[in-house]
Amino acid sequence: MDNTFSLFKGQVVRSKKGRDEGKVFVITEIIDKDYLYLVDGKLRKLDRPKKKKVKHLYIYKDIIDLDNKDLNDSYIRKKLLPYS
């Protein structure tokens, strides 16, 4: 199953494997077809994103605007609140 067609920077995802299972993140960077960098604004902040495999994620259709001039960890936490 190839999920790369629906991956965008700012897209909301939820972890389905690992110690962060069930946590909601935002994609900050797409490394390649298998790996992404994710942040949640709490444990994984913008300056320390988590590298995660695409196959370990549920992918939501929702996209958060990361080109915002006020982009910080608090903004990301506020946008992810409805998902948790």
N, C-alpha and C. Protein backbone atom coordinates (compact mmCIF):
# COMPACT_ATOMS: atom_id res chain seq x y z
N MET A 1 0.84 -1.19 0.00
CA MET A 1 0.00 0.00 0.00
C MET A 1 0.87 1.24 0.00
N ASP A 2 0.71 2.10 -0.97
CA ASP A 2 1.56 3.28 -1.12
C ASP A 2 0.79 4.53 -0.71
N ASN A 3 1.22 5.16 0.42
CA ASN A 3 0.51 6.33 0.96
C ASN A 3 1.10 7.65 0.49
N THR A 4 2.15 7.63 -0.31
CA THR A 4 2.87 8.86 -0.61
C THR A 4 2.04 9.89 -1.36
N PHE A 5 1.00 9.45 -2.08
CA PHE A 5 0.19 10.39 -2.85
C PHE A 5 -0.52 11.39 -1.95
N SER A 6 -0.78 11.03 -0.69
CA SER A 6 -1.58 11.88 0.18
C SER A 6 -0.76 12.54 1.29
N LEU A 7 0.55 12.62 1.13
CA LEU A 7 1.38 13.22 2.17
C LEU A 7 1.79 14.64 1.81
N PHE A 8 1.56 15.55 2.74
CA PHE A 8 1.92 16.95 2.55
C PHE A 8 2.51 17.50 3.83
N LYS A 9 3.35 18.51 3.69
CA LYS A 9 3.87 19.22 4.85
C LYS A 9 2.70 19.89 5.56
N GLY A 10 2.58 19.69 6.87
CA GLY A 10 1.48 20.26 7.63
C GLY A 10 0.33 19.29 7.84
N GLN A 11 0.41 18.10 7.24
CA GLN A 11 -0.67 17.12 7.37
C GLN A 11 -0.67 16.50 8.77
N VAL A 12 -1.86 16.21 9.27
CA VAL A 12 -2.03 15.62 10.59
C VAL A 12 -1.97 14.10 10.46
N VAL A 13 -1.20 13.46 11.36
CA VAL A 13 -1.06 12.00 11.37
C VAL A 13 -1.14 11.49 12.80
N ARG A 14 -1.45 10.20 12.96
CA ARG A 14 -1.47 9.57 14.28
C ARG A 14 -0.62 8.32 14.23
N SER A 15 0.20 8.14 15.25
CA SER A 15 1.10 6.99 15.32
C SER A 15 0.31 5.72 15.64
N LYS A 16 0.62 4.65 14.91
CA LYS A 16 -0.03 3.37 15.21
C LYS A 16 0.96 2.32 15.72
N LYS A 17 2.23 2.66 15.79
CA LYS A 17 3.26 1.75 16.33
C LYS A 17 4.28 2.53 17.14
N GLY A 18 4.91 1.82 18.08
CA GLY A 18 5.99 2.42 18.86
C GLY A 18 5.53 2.94 20.20
N ARG A 19 6.45 3.53 20.95
CA ARG A 19 6.11 4.01 22.29
C ARG A 19 5.21 5.24 22.25
N ASP A 20 5.12 5.87 21.09
CA ASP A 20 4.23 7.03 20.94
C ASP A 20 2.89 6.65 20.31
N GLU A 21 2.53 5.38 20.38
CA GLU A 21 1.29 4.88 19.76
C GLU A 21 0.07 5.67 20.23
N GLY A 22 -0.75 6.11 19.26
CA GLY A 22 -1.95 6.87 19.58
C GLY A 22 -1.76 8.37 19.63
N LYS A 23 -0.53 8.84 19.62
CA LYS A 23 -0.26 10.28 19.67
C LYS A 23 -0.45 10.91 18.30
N VAL A 24 -0.86 12.17 18.30
CA VAL A 24 -1.13 12.90 17.07
C VAL A 24 0.03 13.86 16.80
N PHE A 25 0.46 13.92 15.54
CA PHE A 25 1.58 14.75 15.12
C PHE A 25 1.23 15.53 13.86
N VAL A 26 2.11 16.46 13.51
CA VAL A 26 2.02 17.19 12.24
C VAL A 26 3.31 16.90 11.47
N ILE A 27 3.20 16.67 10.15
CA ILE A 27 4.38 16.46 9.31
C ILE A 27 5.07 17.80 9.09
N THR A 28 6.35 17.88 9.46
CA THR A 28 7.10 19.11 9.20
C THR A 28 8.00 18.98 7.99
N GLU A 29 8.39 17.74 7.68
CA GLU A 29 9.26 17.52 6.52
C GLU A 29 9.08 16.11 6.01
N ILE A 30 9.09 15.94 4.69
CA ILE A 30 9.03 14.63 4.08
C ILE A 30 10.43 14.29 3.61
N ILE A 31 11.05 13.30 4.25
CA ILE A 31 12.44 12.94 3.94
C ILE A 31 12.50 12.17 2.62
N ASP A 32 11.73 11.09 2.53
CA ASP A 32 11.62 10.30 1.30
C ASP A 32 10.30 9.55 1.36
N LYS A 33 10.12 8.53 0.52
CA LYS A 33 8.83 7.83 0.49
C LYS A 33 8.57 7.00 1.75
N ASP A 34 9.60 6.76 2.56
CA ASP A 34 9.44 5.93 3.75
C ASP A 34 9.47 6.70 5.08
N TYR A 35 10.13 7.84 5.12
CA TYR A 35 10.36 8.55 6.39
C TYR A 35 9.87 9.98 6.37
N LEU A 36 9.41 10.42 7.57
CA LEU A 36 8.92 11.80 7.76
C LEU A 36 9.51 12.36 9.05
N TYR A 37 9.50 13.68 9.18
CA TYR A 37 9.79 14.34 10.45
C TYR A 37 8.47 14.85 10.99
N LEU A 38 8.20 14.57 12.27
CA LEU A 38 6.94 14.92 12.91
C LEU A 38 7.16 15.74 14.17
N VAL A 39 6.21 16.62 14.49
CA VAL A 39 6.22 17.37 15.76
C VAL A 39 4.82 17.34 16.35
N ASP A 40 4.76 17.49 17.69
CA ASP A 40 3.46 17.61 18.35
C ASP A 40 3.39 18.85 19.24
N GLY A 41 4.50 19.58 19.37
CA GLY A 41 4.49 20.80 20.18
C GLY A 41 4.69 20.55 21.67
N LYS A 42 4.60 19.29 22.11
CA LYS A 42 4.78 18.97 23.53
C LYS A 42 6.13 18.29 23.74
N LEU A 43 6.15 16.96 23.48
CA LEU A 43 7.40 16.20 23.62
C LEU A 43 8.30 16.40 22.41
N ARG A 44 7.69 16.46 21.24
CA ARG A 44 8.45 16.65 20.00
C ARG A 44 8.22 18.05 19.49
N LYS A 45 9.18 18.92 19.80
CA LYS A 45 9.04 20.33 19.44
C LYS A 45 9.67 20.60 18.08
N LEU A 46 9.46 21.80 17.58
CA LEU A 46 9.93 22.18 16.24
C LEU A 46 11.45 22.04 16.10
N ASP A 47 12.18 22.29 17.18
CA ASP A 47 13.65 22.20 17.10
C ASP A 47 14.16 20.77 17.24
N ARG A 48 13.28 19.81 17.60
CA ARG A 48 13.67 18.40 17.76
C ARG A 48 12.59 17.49 17.21
N PRO A 49 12.38 17.48 15.88
CA PRO A 49 11.31 16.64 15.32
C PRO A 49 11.63 15.15 15.41
N LYS A 50 10.58 14.34 15.37
CA LYS A 50 10.74 12.88 15.43
C LYS A 50 10.76 12.31 14.02
N LYS A 51 11.71 11.44 13.77
CA LYS A 51 11.77 10.74 12.48
C LYS A 51 10.93 9.48 12.62
N LYS A 52 10.00 9.28 11.69
CA LYS A 52 9.07 8.16 11.80
C LYS A 52 8.80 7.57 10.42
N LYS A 53 8.59 6.26 10.39
CA LYS A 53 8.25 5.58 9.13
C LYS A 53 6.79 5.83 8.78
N VAL A 54 6.54 6.05 7.50
CA VAL A 54 5.18 6.31 7.00
C VAL A 54 4.26 5.13 7.31
N LYS A 55 4.77 3.90 7.21
CA LYS A 55 3.92 2.72 7.41
C LYS A 55 3.45 2.58 8.86
N HIS A 56 4.02 3.35 9.78
CA HIS A 56 3.61 3.30 11.19
C HIS A 56 2.63 4.42 11.53
N LEU A 57 2.01 5.03 10.54
CA LEU A 57 1.13 6.17 10.77
C LEU A 57 -0.24 5.99 10.14
N TYR A 58 -1.26 6.50 10.84
CA TYR A 58 -2.57 6.71 10.24
C TYR A 58 -2.54 8.13 9.70
N ILE A 59 -3.03 8.34 8.48
CA ILE A 59 -2.92 9.65 7.85
C ILE A 59 -4.30 10.29 7.77
N TYR A 60 -4.41 11.48 8.34
CA TYR A 60 -5.65 12.26 8.26
C TYR A 60 -5.61 13.13 7.01
N LYS A 61 -6.79 13.56 6.56
CA LYS A 61 -6.86 14.44 5.39
C LYS A 61 -6.57 15.89 5.76
N ASP A 62 -6.67 16.23 7.04
CA ASP A 62 -6.53 17.62 7.50
C ASP A 62 -5.10 18.11 7.39
N ILE A 63 -4.96 19.38 7.00
CA ILE A 63 -3.65 20.00 6.87
C ILE A 63 -3.62 21.30 7.67
N ILE A 64 -2.57 21.48 8.46
CA ILE A 64 -2.37 22.69 9.26
C ILE A 64 -1.39 23.59 8.51
N ASP A 65 -1.68 24.87 8.48
CA ASP A 65 -0.83 25.84 7.79
C ASP A 65 0.47 26.05 8.55
N LEU A 66 1.58 25.55 8.02
CA LEU A 66 2.88 25.72 8.67
C LEU A 66 3.66 26.91 8.12
N ASP A 67 3.08 27.64 7.15
CA ASP A 67 3.74 28.83 6.62
C ASP A 67 3.34 30.07 7.40
N ASN A 68 2.66 29.86 8.51
CA ASN A 68 2.21 30.94 9.37
C ASN A 68 3.42 31.65 9.99
N LYS A 69 3.39 32.96 10.06
CA LYS A 69 4.51 33.71 10.65
C LYS A 69 4.60 33.50 12.16
N ASP A 70 3.49 33.09 12.78
CA ASP A 70 3.46 32.86 14.23
C ASP A 70 3.72 31.39 14.58
N LEU A 71 4.37 30.66 13.66
CA LEU A 71 4.58 29.23 13.88
C LEU A 71 5.50 28.99 15.07
N ASN A 72 4.95 28.31 16.08
CA ASN A 72 5.74 27.89 17.25
C ASN A 72 5.06 26.65 17.84
N ASP A 73 5.64 26.11 18.92
CA ASP A 73 5.11 24.88 19.51
C ASP A 73 3.71 25.07 20.08
N SER A 74 3.44 26.25 20.62
CA SER A 74 2.12 26.54 21.18
C SER A 74 1.05 26.53 20.08
N TYR A 75 1.36 27.08 18.93
CA TYR A 75 0.44 27.09 17.78
C TYR A 75 0.12 25.65 17.36
N ILE A 76 1.14 24.80 17.30
CA ILE A 76 0.94 23.40 16.91
C ILE A 76 0.08 22.67 17.94
N ARG A 77 0.36 22.87 19.23
CA ARG A 77 -0.45 22.24 20.29
C ARG A 77 -1.91 22.64 20.16
N LYS A 78 -2.16 23.93 19.91
CA LYS A 78 -3.53 24.45 19.81
C LYS A 78 -4.25 23.83 18.60
N LYS A 79 -3.55 23.68 17.48
CA LYS A 79 -4.16 23.10 16.26
C LYS A 79 -4.43 21.60 16.42
N LEU A 80 -3.60 20.90 17.21
CA LEU A 80 -3.77 19.45 17.39
C LEU A 80 -4.76 19.07 18.49
N LEU A 81 -5.18 20.06 19.28
CA LEU A 81 -6.08 19.80 20.41
C LEU A 81 -7.35 19.03 20.02
N PRO A 82 -8.04 19.37 18.92
CA PRO A 82 -9.25 18.62 18.57
C PRO A 82 -9.03 17.14 18.26
N TYR A 83 -7.79 16.72 17.99
CA TYR A 83 -7.52 15.33 17.62
C TYR A 83 -7.24 14.42 18.80
N SER A 84 -6.94 15.01 19.97
CA SER A 84 -6.58 14.15 21.11
C SER A 84 -7.64 14.11 22.19
